[in-house]
Protein backbone atom coordinates (compact mmCIF):
# COMPACT_ATOMS: atom_id res chain seq x y z
CA UNK A 1 0.00 0.00 0.00
CA UNK A 2 1.02 3.57 -0.46
CA UNK A 3 1.42 5.90 2.50
CA UNK A 4 -1.79 7.65 1.44
CA UNK A 5 -3.67 4.35 1.39
CA UNK A 6 -2.40 3.44 4.86
CA UNK A 7 -3.49 6.85 6.16
CA UNK A 8 -6.88 6.52 4.50
CA UNK A 9 -7.42 3.09 5.99
CA UNK A 10 -6.03 3.43 9.52
CA UNK A 11 -5.91 7.11 10.50
CA UNK A 12 -9.30 7.33 12.20
CA UNK A 13 -8.60 4.22 14.28
CA UNK A 14 -5.20 5.56 15.35
CA UNK A 15 -6.74 8.96 16.11
CA UNK A 16 -9.36 7.34 18.37
CA UNK A 17 -6.69 5.36 20.23
CA UNK A 18 -4.60 8.50 20.72
CA UNK A 19 -7.58 10.37 22.17
CA UNK A 20 -8.34 7.37 24.40
CA UNK A 21 -4.79 7.36 25.72
CA UNK A 22 -4.86 11.12 26.35
CA UNK A 23 -8.13 10.77 28.26
CA UNK A 24 -6.67 7.94 30.34
CA UNK A 25 -3.61 10.01 31.24
CA UNK A 26 -5.84 12.96 32.14
CA UNK A 27 -7.85 10.72 34.51
CA UNK A 28 -4.69 9.33 36.11
CA UNK A 29 -3.22 12.79 36.66
CA UNK A 30 -6.45 14.13 38.18
CA UNK A 31 -6.73 11.20 40.59
CA UNK A 32 -5.36 11.35 44.10
CA UNK A 33 -2.64 9.13 45.49
CA UNK A 34 0.63 7.81 44.18
CA UNK A 35 1.06 6.07 40.85
CA UNK A 36 2.83 2.75 40.60
CA UNK A 37 5.39 1.39 38.14
CA UNK A 38 2.81 1.04 35.36
CA UNK A 39 2.51 4.78 34.79
CA UNK A 40 6.27 5.15 34.49
CA UNK A 41 6.38 2.16 32.13
CA UNK A 42 3.68 3.74 29.97
CA UNK A 43 5.59 7.03 29.87
CA UNK A 44 8.73 5.17 28.80
CA UNK A 45 6.77 3.41 26.06
CA UNK A 46 5.45 6.78 24.85
CA UNK A 47 9.05 7.95 24.48
CA UNK A 48 9.59 5.06 22.08
CA UNK A 49 6.67 6.31 19.97
CA UNK A 50 8.15 9.77 19.87
CA UNK A 51 11.67 8.58 19.04
CA UNK A 52 10.78 8.08 15.38
CA UNK A 53 12.40 4.68 14.91
CA UNK A 54 10.97 2.40 12.25
CA UNK A 55 10.43 -0.48 14.69
CA UNK A 56 8.20 1.38 17.16
CA UNK A 57 5.84 -1.52 17.87
CA UNK A 58 8.74 -3.79 18.85
CA UNK A 59 10.37 -1.11 20.99
CA UNK A 60 7.11 -0.28 22.79
CA UNK A 61 6.43 -3.96 23.47
CA UNK A 62 9.97 -4.52 24.76
CA UNK A 63 9.80 -1.43 26.99
CA UNK A 64 6.76 -2.95 28.73
CA UNK A 65 8.12 -6.51 28.87
CA UNK A 66 10.13 -8.38 31.48
CA UNK A 67 13.67 -8.62 30.06
CA UNK A 68 14.83 -11.33 32.45
CA UNK A 69 15.51 -14.82 31.17
CA UNK A 70 15.59 -16.81 34.41
CA UNK A 71 12.22 -18.26 35.44
CA UNK A 72 10.85 -17.32 38.84
CA UNK A 73 10.11 -20.17 41.28
CA UNK A 74 6.42 -19.23 41.66
CA UNK A 75 3.99 -16.58 40.53
CA UNK A 76 3.55 -13.74 43.00
CA UNK A 77 0.17 -12.54 41.71
CA UNK A 78 -2.90 -13.99 40.05
CA UNK A 79 -3.05 -11.51 37.18
CA UNK A 80 -0.77 -9.86 34.66
CA UNK A 81 0.01 -6.18 35.19
CA UNK A 82 0.90 -5.27 31.62
CA UNK A 83 4.27 -3.78 32.53
CA UNK A 84 7.44 -4.97 34.20
CA UNK A 85 7.99 -3.46 37.67
CA UNK A 86 11.78 -3.77 37.47
CA UNK A 87 14.32 -1.73 35.63
CA UNK A 88 16.90 -2.53 32.99
CA UNK A 89 18.84 0.69 33.41
C-alpha atoms as a PDB file:
ATOM      1  CA  UNK A   1       0.000   0.000   0.000  1.00  0.00           C
ATOM      2  CA  UNK A   2       1.018   3.569  -0.460  1.00  0.00           C
ATOM      3  CA  UNK A   3       1.425   5.902   2.495  1.00  0.00           C
ATOM      4  CA  UNK A   4      -1.788   7.647   1.441  1.00  0.00           C
ATOM      5  CA  UNK A   5      -3.674   4.348   1.395  1.00  0.00           C
ATOM      6  CA  UNK A   6      -2.400   3.440   4.862  1.00  0.00           C
ATOM      7  CA  UNK A   7      -3.495   6.851   6.158  1.00  0.00           C
ATOM      8  CA  UNK A   8      -6.883   6.522   4.502  1.00  0.00           C
ATOM      9  CA  UNK A   9      -7.423   3.086   5.993  1.00  0.00           C
ATOM     10  CA  UNK A  10      -6.032   3.431   9.516  1.00  0.00           C
ATOM     11  CA  UNK A  11      -5.907   7.114  10.495  1.00  0.00           C
ATOM     12  CA  UNK A  12      -9.303   7.333  12.198  1.00  0.00           C
ATOM     13  CA  UNK A  13      -8.605   4.220  14.279  1.00  0.00           C
ATOM     14  CA  UNK A  14      -5.197   5.564  15.352  1.00  0.00           C
ATOM     15  CA  UNK A  15      -6.745   8.955  16.114  1.00  0.00           C
ATOM     16  CA  UNK A  16      -9.361   7.345  18.374  1.00  0.00           C
ATOM     17  CA  UNK A  17      -6.687   5.360  20.226  1.00  0.00           C
ATOM     18  CA  UNK A  18      -4.604   8.496  20.719  1.00  0.00           C
ATOM     19  CA  UNK A  19      -7.580  10.372  22.174  1.00  0.00           C
ATOM     20  CA  UNK A  20      -8.342   7.369  24.398  1.00  0.00           C
ATOM     21  CA  UNK A  21      -4.792   7.364  25.715  1.00  0.00           C
ATOM     22  CA  UNK A  22      -4.856  11.122  26.349  1.00  0.00           C
ATOM     23  CA  UNK A  23      -8.132  10.774  28.263  1.00  0.00           C
ATOM     24  CA  UNK A  24      -6.671   7.937  30.339  1.00  0.00           C
ATOM     25  CA  UNK A  25      -3.606  10.008  31.243  1.00  0.00           C
ATOM     26  CA  UNK A  26      -5.837  12.962  32.145  1.00  0.00           C
ATOM     27  CA  UNK A  27      -7.848  10.722  34.511  1.00  0.00           C
ATOM     28  CA  UNK A  28      -4.692   9.329  36.113  1.00  0.00           C
ATOM     29  CA  UNK A  29      -3.220  12.787  36.657  1.00  0.00           C
ATOM     30  CA  UNK A  30      -6.451  14.133  38.185  1.00  0.00           C
ATOM     31  CA  UNK A  31      -6.732  11.200  40.590  1.00  0.00           C
ATOM     32  CA  UNK A  32      -5.365  11.345  44.103  1.00  0.00           C
ATOM     33  CA  UNK A  33      -2.638   9.127  45.493  1.00  0.00           C
ATOM     34  CA  UNK A  34       0.634   7.808  44.181  1.00  0.00           C
ATOM     35  CA  UNK A  35       1.058   6.074  40.851  1.00  0.00           C
ATOM     36  CA  UNK A  36       2.834   2.749  40.598  1.00  0.00           C
ATOM     37  CA  UNK A  37       5.386   1.392  38.140  1.00  0.00           C
ATOM     38  CA  UNK A  38       2.811   1.042  35.359  1.00  0.00           C
ATOM     39  CA  UNK A  39       2.506   4.781  34.792  1.00  0.00           C
ATOM     40  CA  UNK A  40       6.266   5.147  34.489  1.00  0.00           C
ATOM     41  CA  UNK A  41       6.379   2.161  32.126  1.00  0.00           C
ATOM     42  CA  UNK A  42       3.681   3.740  29.974  1.00  0.00           C
ATOM     43  CA  UNK A  43       5.587   7.027  29.867  1.00  0.00           C
ATOM     44  CA  UNK A  44       8.726   5.165  28.796  1.00  0.00           C
ATOM     45  CA  UNK A  45       6.765   3.412  26.059  1.00  0.00           C
ATOM     46  CA  UNK A  46       5.445   6.778  24.851  1.00  0.00           C
ATOM     47  CA  UNK A  47       9.048   7.951  24.475  1.00  0.00           C
ATOM     48  CA  UNK A  48       9.585   5.055  22.080  1.00  0.00           C
ATOM     49  CA  UNK A  49       6.669   6.305  19.975  1.00  0.00           C
ATOM     50  CA  UNK A  50       8.150   9.775  19.871  1.00  0.00           C
ATOM     51  CA  UNK A  51      11.675   8.580  19.038  1.00  0.00           C
ATOM     52  CA  UNK A  52      10.781   8.082  15.380  1.00  0.00           C
ATOM     53  CA  UNK A  53      12.403   4.678  14.910  1.00  0.00           C
ATOM     54  CA  UNK A  54      10.967   2.401  12.251  1.00  0.00           C
ATOM     55  CA  UNK A  55      10.435  -0.480  14.691  1.00  0.00           C
ATOM     56  CA  UNK A  56       8.202   1.383  17.159  1.00  0.00           C
ATOM     57  CA  UNK A  57       5.844  -1.524  17.874  1.00  0.00           C
ATOM     58  CA  UNK A  58       8.738  -3.791  18.852  1.00  0.00           C
ATOM     59  CA  UNK A  59      10.372  -1.111  20.993  1.00  0.00           C
ATOM     60  CA  UNK A  60       7.108  -0.285  22.792  1.00  0.00           C
ATOM     61  CA  UNK A  61       6.433  -3.963  23.473  1.00  0.00           C
ATOM     62  CA  UNK A  62       9.966  -4.515  24.761  1.00  0.00           C
ATOM     63  CA  UNK A  63       9.797  -1.429  26.986  1.00  0.00           C
ATOM     64  CA  UNK A  64       6.763  -2.953  28.734  1.00  0.00           C
ATOM     65  CA  UNK A  65       8.123  -6.514  28.872  1.00  0.00           C
ATOM     66  CA  UNK A  66      10.128  -8.385  31.482  1.00  0.00           C
ATOM     67  CA  UNK A  67      13.670  -8.624  30.060  1.00  0.00           C
ATOM     68  CA  UNK A  68      14.830 -11.335  32.451  1.00  0.00           C
ATOM     69  CA  UNK A  69      15.513 -14.824  31.166  1.00  0.00           C
ATOM     70  CA  UNK A  70      15.594 -16.814  34.406  1.00  0.00           C
ATOM     71  CA  UNK A  71      12.224 -18.258  35.443  1.00  0.00           C
ATOM     72  CA  UNK A  72      10.851 -17.323  38.842  1.00  0.00           C
ATOM     73  CA  UNK A  73      10.108 -20.171  41.279  1.00  0.00           C
ATOM     74  CA  UNK A  74       6.416 -19.230  41.659  1.00  0.00           C
ATOM     75  CA  UNK A  75       3.988 -16.580  40.526  1.00  0.00           C
ATOM     76  CA  UNK A  76       3.546 -13.741  43.005  1.00  0.00           C
ATOM     77  CA  UNK A  77       0.172 -12.536  41.710  1.00  0.00           C
ATOM     78  CA  UNK A  78      -2.903 -13.988  40.046  1.00  0.00           C
ATOM     79  CA  UNK A  79      -3.048 -11.506  37.185  1.00  0.00           C
ATOM     80  CA  UNK A  80      -0.772  -9.856  34.660  1.00  0.00           C
ATOM     81  CA  UNK A  81       0.008  -6.176  35.192  1.00  0.00           C
ATOM     82  CA  UNK A  82       0.905  -5.271  31.615  1.00  0.00           C
ATOM     83  CA  UNK A  83       4.272  -3.778  32.534  1.00  0.00           C
ATOM     84  CA  UNK A  84       7.440  -4.972  34.197  1.00  0.00           C
ATOM     85  CA  UNK A  85       7.994  -3.459  37.671  1.00  0.00           C
ATOM     86  CA  UNK A  86      11.782  -3.771  37.472  1.00  0.00           C
ATOM     87  CA  UNK A  87      14.324  -1.729  35.631  1.00  0.00           C
ATOM     88  CA  UNK A  88      16.904  -2.532  32.994  1.00  0.00           C
ATOM     89  CA  UNK A  89      18.843   0.690  33.413  1.00  0.00           C
END
